[in-house]
């Protein structure tokens, strides 16, 4: 996984492009660890995204209870999302690469992304439990797969899958929320739409 970043940085430099930031999907920790180590070596910021309700990375980065405080839901409470290759919730088995990612402080930020089913489930859960929370979370403001899927079918005419759409949704969210201008962001299209 580290070599993927090394190659991308090398190819970018050959084209006169220096990357500022790398954005990737959070999975079982293999990609995050490899990409994170390589981005650190190349002095690049590294950001991950994960689906709303997952909480595996956001809770590690921002503290236990992050999802409940910010969105009014607990990790895993919403059931399965449609973003294959990205975590659903904490697992009963060890994922040592995720531990290493945080031990080595490789991730600058974690972005939360939604799909339409998860968004509607989250809003239903929050509406039914409104009294438990001081204010209603802004789930509708989270970056969505659906918005980025259309963009991806326009990029070089290649129909890519949901985790690639998640990368674009996260990148667009990072650009907007952090008001990034004139930056070169490296992300990846992991999958082909035919898998789904």
Protein backbone atom coordinates (compact mmCIF):
# COMPACT_ATOMS: atom_id res chain seq x y z
CA UNK A 1 0.00 0.00 0.00
CA UNK A 2 2.90 2.35 0.69
CA UNK A 3 4.21 1.81 -2.84
CA UNK A 4 0.90 3.05 -4.30
CA UNK A 5 1.47 6.47 -2.72
CA UNK A 6 5.17 6.43 -3.63
CA UNK A 7 4.28 5.76 -7.28
CA UNK A 8 1.55 8.41 -7.35
CA UNK A 9 3.87 11.03 -5.85
CA UNK A 10 6.61 10.11 -8.33
CA UNK A 11 4.24 10.22 -11.33
CA UNK A 12 2.80 13.50 -10.10
CA UNK A 13 6.25 15.08 -9.91
CA UNK A 14 7.01 13.86 -13.43
CA UNK A 15 3.94 15.83 -14.54
CA UNK A 16 4.90 18.88 -12.46
CA UNK A 17 2.29 18.19 -9.77
CA UNK A 18 3.07 18.17 -6.05
CA UNK A 19 0.31 16.76 -3.88
CA UNK A 20 -0.80 18.50 -0.69
CA UNK A 21 -3.30 16.02 0.66
CA UNK A 22 -4.32 12.36 0.29
CA UNK A 23 -7.93 11.23 0.87
CA UNK A 24 -8.89 7.55 1.17
CA UNK A 25 -11.67 5.27 2.41
CA UNK A 26 -11.33 3.76 5.87
CA UNK A 27 -11.52 -0.03 5.79
CA UNK A 28 -9.89 -2.72 7.89
CA UNK A 29 -6.75 -0.62 8.38
CA UNK A 30 -4.50 -2.03 5.65
CA UNK A 31 -4.98 0.86 3.24
CA UNK A 32 -5.00 3.42 6.06
CA UNK A 33 -1.73 2.13 7.51
CA UNK A 34 0.09 1.86 4.18
CA UNK A 35 -1.18 5.14 2.80
CA UNK A 36 -0.64 6.87 6.16
CA UNK A 37 2.98 5.79 6.49
CA UNK A 38 3.78 6.82 2.93
CA UNK A 39 2.03 10.19 3.22
CA UNK A 40 3.96 10.88 6.42
CA UNK A 41 7.22 10.04 4.64
CA UNK A 42 6.28 12.43 1.80
CA UNK A 43 5.11 15.13 4.29
CA UNK A 44 1.52 15.02 3.00
CA UNK A 45 -1.64 15.39 5.07
CA UNK A 46 -3.76 12.22 5.16
CA UNK A 47 -7.52 12.17 5.66
CA UNK A 48 -9.86 9.21 5.82
CA UNK A 49 -13.61 8.98 5.40
CA UNK A 50 -16.04 6.46 6.82
CA UNK A 51 -19.80 5.92 6.60
CA UNK A 52 -22.14 7.56 9.10
CA UNK A 53 -22.85 5.13 11.89
CA UNK A 54 -19.57 3.27 11.51
CA UNK A 55 -17.56 5.18 14.09
CA UNK A 56 -14.49 2.92 13.97
CA UNK A 57 -12.16 5.72 12.88
CA UNK A 58 -14.00 8.85 14.01
CA UNK A 59 -14.38 7.52 17.55
CA UNK A 60 -10.66 6.68 17.66
CA UNK A 61 -9.69 10.10 16.29
CA UNK A 62 -12.10 12.31 18.25
CA UNK A 63 -12.91 10.19 21.30
CA UNK A 64 -15.48 7.61 22.27
CA UNK A 65 -19.00 8.95 21.97
CA UNK A 66 -18.17 11.19 18.97
CA UNK A 67 -21.05 9.83 16.86
CA UNK A 68 -23.55 10.13 19.69
CA UNK A 69 -22.47 13.69 20.56
CA UNK A 70 -22.39 14.91 16.97
CA UNK A 71 -25.07 12.89 15.19
CA UNK A 72 -27.27 11.46 17.95
CA UNK A 73 -26.53 7.85 17.04
CA UNK A 74 -24.25 5.11 18.33
CA UNK A 75 -21.83 3.26 16.03
CA UNK A 76 -23.62 0.34 14.37
CA UNK A 77 -27.09 1.57 15.39
CA UNK A 78 -28.19 2.27 11.80
CA UNK A 79 -27.44 -1.16 10.36
CA UNK A 80 -25.51 -1.84 7.18
CA UNK A 81 -24.65 0.91 4.73
CA UNK A 82 -24.16 0.50 0.96
CA UNK A 83 -20.47 1.38 0.87
CA UNK A 84 -18.65 -1.92 0.39
CA UNK A 85 -15.07 -2.08 1.62
CA UNK A 86 -15.71 0.49 4.36
CA UNK A 87 -16.44 -0.63 7.91
CA UNK A 88 -19.91 -1.18 9.33
CA UNK A 89 -19.05 -0.97 13.04
CA UNK A 90 -16.60 -2.31 15.58
CA UNK A 91 -15.79 -5.96 15.01
CA UNK A 92 -15.40 -8.80 17.51
CA UNK A 93 -11.96 -9.59 16.09
CA UNK A 94 -8.73 -7.64 16.29
CA UNK A 95 -7.79 -5.16 13.57
CA UNK A 96 -4.18 -4.37 14.51
CA UNK A 97 -3.56 -2.10 11.53
CA UNK A 98 -6.21 0.34 12.78
CA UNK A 99 -4.45 0.43 16.15
CA UNK A 100 -1.13 1.16 14.41
CA UNK A 101 -2.70 3.97 12.34
CA UNK A 102 -3.57 5.83 15.55
CA UNK A 103 -0.48 4.82 17.52
CA UNK A 104 1.63 6.33 14.72
CA UNK A 105 -0.65 9.40 14.44
CA UNK A 106 -1.07 9.01 10.68
CA UNK A 107 -4.55 10.51 10.18
CA UNK A 108 -5.14 14.27 10.22
CA UNK A 109 -8.94 14.10 9.98
CA UNK A 110 -11.89 11.74 9.48
CA UNK A 111 -14.81 12.76 7.24
CA UNK A 112 -18.23 11.14 7.67
CA UNK A 113 -20.07 10.24 4.43
CA UNK A 114 -23.66 9.00 3.97
CA UNK A 115 -25.70 7.10 1.43
CA UNK A 116 -29.42 7.85 0.98
CA UNK A 117 -30.67 4.82 2.96
CA UNK A 118 -28.44 5.59 5.93
CA UNK A 119 -29.42 9.27 5.83
CA UNK A 120 -33.15 8.42 6.06
CA UNK A 121 -32.56 5.80 8.78
CA UNK A 122 -30.48 8.28 10.79
CA UNK A 123 -33.16 10.95 10.57
CA UNK A 124 -35.82 8.43 11.68
CA UNK A 125 -33.71 7.33 14.67
CA UNK A 126 -33.05 10.92 15.69
CA UNK A 127 -36.69 12.00 15.29
CA UNK A 128 -37.85 9.13 17.48
CA UNK A 129 -35.26 9.94 20.14
CA UNK A 130 -35.36 13.73 19.96
CA UNK A 131 -35.84 14.15 23.72
CA UNK A 132 -32.52 12.45 24.44
CA UNK A 133 -30.51 15.05 22.54
CA UNK A 134 -30.17 18.78 23.04
CA UNK A 135 -30.11 19.63 19.34
CA UNK A 136 -30.77 17.77 16.15
CA UNK A 137 -27.61 16.86 14.23
CA UNK A 138 -27.06 18.23 10.75
CA UNK A 139 -27.04 14.84 9.05
CA UNK A 140 -28.49 16.36 5.90
CA UNK A 141 -25.33 18.47 5.57
CA UNK A 142 -23.03 15.43 5.41
CA UNK A 143 -21.40 14.61 2.08
CA UNK A 144 -23.41 12.10 0.09
CA UNK A 145 -22.48 9.28 -2.26
CA UNK A 146 -25.39 10.11 -4.53
CA UNK A 147 -24.08 13.59 -5.30
CA UNK A 148 -20.64 12.29 -6.23
CA UNK A 149 -21.75 9.22 -8.22
CA UNK A 150 -22.95 11.45 -11.04
CA UNK A 151 -19.61 13.26 -11.10
CA UNK A 152 -17.73 9.99 -11.32
CA UNK A 153 -19.59 8.74 -14.37
CA UNK A 154 -18.49 11.95 -16.07
CA UNK A 155 -14.81 11.51 -15.16
CA UNK A 156 -13.17 9.94 -18.20
CA UNK A 157 -16.43 8.07 -18.80
CA UNK A 158 -15.51 5.36 -16.28
CA UNK A 159 -18.38 3.98 -14.19
CA UNK A 160 -16.81 3.41 -10.78
CA UNK A 161 -18.33 2.04 -7.61
CA UNK A 162 -19.44 3.33 -4.25
CA UNK A 163 -16.15 3.55 -2.38
CA UNK A 164 -14.76 5.64 -5.24
CA UNK A 165 -17.86 7.84 -5.05
CA UNK A 166 -17.20 8.14 -1.32
CA UNK A 167 -13.69 9.41 -2.05
CA UNK A 168 -15.05 12.15 -4.28
CA UNK A 169 -17.76 13.05 -1.73
CA UNK A 170 -15.09 13.34 0.98
CA UNK A 171 -12.78 15.42 -1.23
CA UNK A 172 -15.57 17.85 -2.14
CA UNK A 173 -16.55 18.14 1.53
CA UNK A 174 -12.96 18.82 2.60
CA UNK A 175 -12.57 21.50 -0.08
CA UNK A 176 -15.80 23.21 0.97
CA UNK A 177 -15.50 22.99 4.76
CA UNK A 178 -11.82 23.87 4.91
CA UNK A 179 -12.09 26.44 2.11
CA UNK A 180 -9.17 24.86 0.28
CA UNK A 181 -7.98 26.65 -2.83
CA UNK A 182 -5.16 25.81 -5.20
CA UNK A 183 -4.38 22.45 -3.62
CA UNK A 184 -3.58 19.16 -5.33
CA UNK A 185 -5.55 16.37 -3.69
CA UNK A 186 -4.71 12.74 -4.39
CA UNK A 187 -7.49 10.19 -4.12
CA UNK A 188 -8.25 6.83 -5.70
CA UNK A 189 -10.92 5.00 -7.66
CA UNK A 190 -10.80 1.56 -6.05
CA UNK A 191 -13.62 -0.21 -7.75
CA UNK A 192 -15.57 -0.74 -10.92
CA UNK A 193 -19.36 -0.35 -11.00
CA UNK A 194 -19.70 -3.88 -12.43
CA UNK A 195 -18.88 -5.28 -8.97
CA UNK A 196 -22.27 -4.06 -7.75
